[in-house]
Amino acid sequence: MVRAKPLTARAAQQAADADAAAIRAALETASGNVGRAAETLGVQRRTLDRRINALGLRDWLTTTYPRSARQPRRQP
């Protein structure tokens, strides 16, 4: 079995930046709806939530798309 060498700091940062850009694009397309963005990316909603938190995008998401705009209240 051949083991791959670990990523350099620069390569890891580039991978994280590319991941963040893809997630932002999906969220912008879905108007901040995490469930629809997860479907677009082909991942589970919880997985996308974890990636959003890990990449520090939660503040950007809540500032850009306030919860009231993302999930309007249901009409009784």
N, C-alpha and C. Protein backbone atom coordinates (compact mmCIF):
# COMPACT_ATOMS: atom_id res chain seq x y z
N MET A 1 0.84 -1.18 0.00
CA MET A 1 0.00 0.00 0.00
C MET A 1 0.89 1.24 0.00
N VAL A 2 0.62 2.14 -0.89
CA VAL A 2 1.38 3.38 -0.99
C VAL A 2 0.58 4.48 -0.31
N ARG A 3 1.20 5.18 0.57
CA ARG A 3 0.54 6.29 1.25
C ARG A 3 0.89 7.60 0.58
N ALA A 4 -0.11 8.44 0.47
CA ALA A 4 0.11 9.76 -0.11
C ALA A 4 0.74 10.67 0.94
N LYS A 5 1.53 11.59 0.46
CA LYS A 5 2.13 12.57 1.36
C LYS A 5 1.06 13.56 1.80
N PRO A 6 1.18 14.10 3.01
CA PRO A 6 0.21 15.10 3.45
C PRO A 6 0.29 16.36 2.60
N LEU A 7 -0.82 17.07 2.55
CA LEU A 7 -0.85 18.32 1.80
C LEU A 7 0.05 19.36 2.46
N THR A 8 0.63 20.19 1.64
CA THR A 8 1.38 21.32 2.20
C THR A 8 0.36 22.32 2.72
N ALA A 9 0.80 23.24 3.51
CA ALA A 9 -0.10 24.26 4.06
C ALA A 9 -0.76 25.05 2.94
N ARG A 10 0.01 25.36 1.91
CA ARG A 10 -0.53 26.13 0.79
C ARG A 10 -1.59 25.33 0.03
N ALA A 11 -1.31 24.05 -0.22
CA ALA A 11 -2.27 23.20 -0.94
C ALA A 11 -3.55 23.01 -0.12
N ALA A 12 -3.41 22.86 1.19
CA ALA A 12 -4.58 22.71 2.06
C ALA A 12 -5.42 23.98 2.03
N GLN A 13 -4.78 25.14 2.05
CA GLN A 13 -5.51 26.41 2.00
C GLN A 13 -6.21 26.58 0.66
N GLN A 14 -5.55 26.20 -0.42
CA GLN A 14 -6.18 26.30 -1.74
C GLN A 14 -7.39 25.38 -1.84
N ALA A 15 -7.30 24.18 -1.27
CA ALA A 15 -8.43 23.25 -1.28
C ALA A 15 -9.59 23.81 -0.46
N ALA A 16 -9.30 24.40 0.70
CA ALA A 16 -10.34 24.99 1.54
C ALA A 16 -10.98 26.18 0.83
N ASP A 17 -10.19 26.99 0.16
CA ASP A 17 -10.72 28.14 -0.57
C ASP A 17 -11.64 27.70 -1.72
N ALA A 18 -11.23 26.65 -2.43
CA ALA A 18 -12.05 26.13 -3.53
C ALA A 18 -13.35 25.56 -2.99
N ASP A 19 -13.29 24.86 -1.87
CA ASP A 19 -14.48 24.29 -1.23
C ASP A 19 -15.42 25.41 -0.79
N ALA A 20 -14.88 26.45 -0.17
CA ALA A 20 -15.70 27.58 0.28
C ALA A 20 -16.35 28.29 -0.90
N ALA A 21 -15.62 28.44 -1.99
CA ALA A 21 -16.18 29.11 -3.17
C ALA A 21 -17.33 28.30 -3.77
N ALA A 22 -17.18 26.98 -3.81
CA ALA A 22 -18.25 26.12 -4.35
C ALA A 22 -19.48 26.18 -3.45
N ILE A 23 -19.26 26.19 -2.14
CA ILE A 23 -20.39 26.25 -1.20
C ILE A 23 -21.09 27.60 -1.29
N ARG A 24 -20.33 28.68 -1.37
CA ARG A 24 -20.94 30.02 -1.51
C ARG A 24 -21.76 30.12 -2.78
N ALA A 25 -21.22 29.59 -3.88
CA ALA A 25 -21.95 29.64 -5.15
C ALA A 25 -23.26 28.86 -5.06
N ALA A 26 -23.23 27.69 -4.43
CA ALA A 26 -24.44 26.89 -4.28
C ALA A 26 -25.45 27.60 -3.38
N LEU A 27 -24.98 28.22 -2.31
CA LEU A 27 -25.88 28.95 -1.41
C LEU A 27 -26.48 30.17 -2.09
N GLU A 28 -25.68 30.86 -2.90
CA GLU A 28 -26.20 32.02 -3.62
C GLU A 28 -27.26 31.59 -4.63
N THR A 29 -27.03 30.47 -5.31
CA THR A 29 -28.00 29.95 -6.26
C THR A 29 -29.30 29.57 -5.56
N ALA A 30 -29.17 29.03 -4.35
CA ALA A 30 -30.33 28.57 -3.58
C ALA A 30 -30.90 29.66 -2.68
N SER A 31 -30.45 30.89 -2.83
CA SER A 31 -30.91 32.02 -2.00
C SER A 31 -30.76 31.76 -0.51
N GLY A 32 -29.65 31.10 -0.15
CA GLY A 32 -29.36 30.85 1.25
C GLY A 32 -30.01 29.61 1.83
N ASN A 33 -30.79 28.88 1.04
CA ASN A 33 -31.45 27.67 1.53
C ASN A 33 -30.44 26.53 1.55
N VAL A 34 -30.06 26.09 2.75
CA VAL A 34 -29.01 25.09 2.91
C VAL A 34 -29.44 23.75 2.33
N GLY A 35 -30.69 23.38 2.48
CA GLY A 35 -31.18 22.11 1.95
C GLY A 35 -31.08 22.03 0.44
N ARG A 36 -31.51 23.11 -0.23
CA ARG A 36 -31.41 23.13 -1.70
C ARG A 36 -29.96 23.19 -2.16
N ALA A 37 -29.12 23.92 -1.43
CA ALA A 37 -27.70 23.98 -1.79
C ALA A 37 -27.06 22.61 -1.64
N ALA A 38 -27.45 21.87 -0.60
CA ALA A 38 -26.91 20.51 -0.40
C ALA A 38 -27.31 19.61 -1.56
N GLU A 39 -28.56 19.72 -2.01
CA GLU A 39 -29.00 18.92 -3.16
C GLU A 39 -28.17 19.27 -4.39
N THR A 40 -27.92 20.55 -4.60
CA THR A 40 -27.12 21.00 -5.74
C THR A 40 -25.72 20.41 -5.70
N LEU A 41 -25.13 20.38 -4.50
CA LEU A 41 -23.77 19.86 -4.35
C LEU A 41 -23.72 18.34 -4.26
N GLY A 42 -24.87 17.71 -4.07
CA GLY A 42 -24.91 16.26 -3.99
C GLY A 42 -24.43 15.70 -2.67
N VAL A 43 -24.67 16.46 -1.58
CA VAL A 43 -24.28 16.00 -0.24
C VAL A 43 -25.49 16.11 0.68
N GLN A 44 -25.40 15.47 1.83
CA GLN A 44 -26.46 15.57 2.82
C GLN A 44 -26.48 16.97 3.42
N ARG A 45 -27.64 17.40 3.88
CA ARG A 45 -27.77 18.73 4.47
C ARG A 45 -26.88 18.88 5.69
N ARG A 46 -26.83 17.87 6.54
CA ARG A 46 -26.00 17.93 7.74
C ARG A 46 -24.52 18.05 7.39
N THR A 47 -24.10 17.36 6.35
CA THR A 47 -22.70 17.45 5.90
C THR A 47 -22.39 18.88 5.47
N LEU A 48 -23.30 19.49 4.73
CA LEU A 48 -23.09 20.87 4.29
C LEU A 48 -23.06 21.81 5.48
N ASP A 49 -23.93 21.58 6.46
CA ASP A 49 -23.92 22.40 7.68
C ASP A 49 -22.55 22.32 8.36
N ARG A 50 -22.01 21.12 8.45
CA ARG A 50 -20.69 20.95 9.08
C ARG A 50 -19.60 21.68 8.30
N ARG A 51 -19.66 21.60 6.98
CA ARG A 51 -18.66 22.29 6.14
C ARG A 51 -18.79 23.81 6.29
N ILE A 52 -20.02 24.30 6.34
CA ILE A 52 -20.25 25.74 6.51
C ILE A 52 -19.61 26.21 7.82
N ASN A 53 -19.84 25.45 8.89
CA ASN A 53 -19.26 25.81 10.18
C ASN A 53 -17.74 25.68 10.17
N ALA A 54 -17.22 24.62 9.59
CA ALA A 54 -15.77 24.39 9.57
C ALA A 54 -15.03 25.46 8.77
N LEU A 55 -15.65 25.93 7.71
CA LEU A 55 -15.00 26.94 6.86
C LEU A 55 -15.27 28.37 7.33
N GLY A 56 -16.06 28.51 8.38
CA GLY A 56 -16.34 29.84 8.91
C GLY A 56 -17.30 30.64 8.05
N LEU A 57 -18.20 29.96 7.35
CA LEU A 57 -19.15 30.65 6.48
C LEU A 57 -20.48 30.94 7.16
N ARG A 58 -20.66 30.52 8.39
CA ARG A 58 -21.95 30.70 9.07
C ARG A 58 -22.29 32.18 9.22
N ASP A 59 -21.32 33.00 9.62
CA ASP A 59 -21.58 34.45 9.77
C ASP A 59 -21.94 35.07 8.42
N TRP A 60 -21.21 34.69 7.38
CA TRP A 60 -21.52 35.21 6.04
C TRP A 60 -22.93 34.82 5.63
N LEU A 61 -23.32 33.58 5.90
CA LEU A 61 -24.64 33.10 5.52
C LEU A 61 -25.74 33.86 6.25
N THR A 62 -25.61 34.03 7.55
CA THR A 62 -26.67 34.69 8.31
C THR A 62 -26.72 36.19 8.04
N THR A 63 -25.59 36.78 7.68
CA THR A 63 -25.58 38.20 7.34
C THR A 63 -26.16 38.43 5.95
N THR A 64 -25.76 37.62 4.99
CA THR A 64 -26.21 37.77 3.61
C THR A 64 -27.66 37.35 3.43
N TYR A 65 -28.03 36.26 4.06
CA TYR A 65 -29.38 35.72 3.95
C TYR A 65 -29.95 35.52 5.35
N PRO A 66 -30.57 36.57 5.92
CA PRO A 66 -31.16 36.41 7.25
C PRO A 66 -32.17 35.27 7.25
N ARG A 67 -32.31 34.63 8.38
CA ARG A 67 -33.19 33.45 8.47
C ARG A 67 -34.60 33.76 7.99
N SER A 68 -35.10 34.94 8.27
CA SER A 68 -36.46 35.28 7.85
C SER A 68 -36.59 35.29 6.33
N ALA A 69 -35.52 35.63 5.63
CA ALA A 69 -35.56 35.64 4.17
C ALA A 69 -35.38 34.23 3.62
N ARG A 70 -34.61 33.40 4.32
CA ARG A 70 -34.36 32.04 3.85
C ARG A 70 -35.53 31.13 4.10
N GLN A 71 -36.19 31.29 5.26
CA GLN A 71 -37.30 30.41 5.62
C GLN A 71 -38.48 31.25 6.10
N PRO A 72 -39.30 31.70 5.18
CA PRO A 72 -40.45 32.50 5.60
C PRO A 72 -41.37 31.68 6.51
N ARG A 73 -42.05 32.36 7.40
CA ARG A 73 -42.97 31.67 8.32
C ARG A 73 -44.11 31.04 7.53
N ARG A 74 -44.55 29.89 8.02
CA ARG A 74 -45.68 29.19 7.41
C ARG A 74 -46.97 29.93 7.73
N GLN A 75 -47.85 29.92 6.78
CA GLN A 75 -49.16 30.53 7.00
C GLN A 75 -50.07 29.50 7.67
N PRO A 76 -50.74 29.88 8.77
CA PRO A 76 -51.62 28.90 9.46
C PRO A 76 -52.86 28.55 8.67
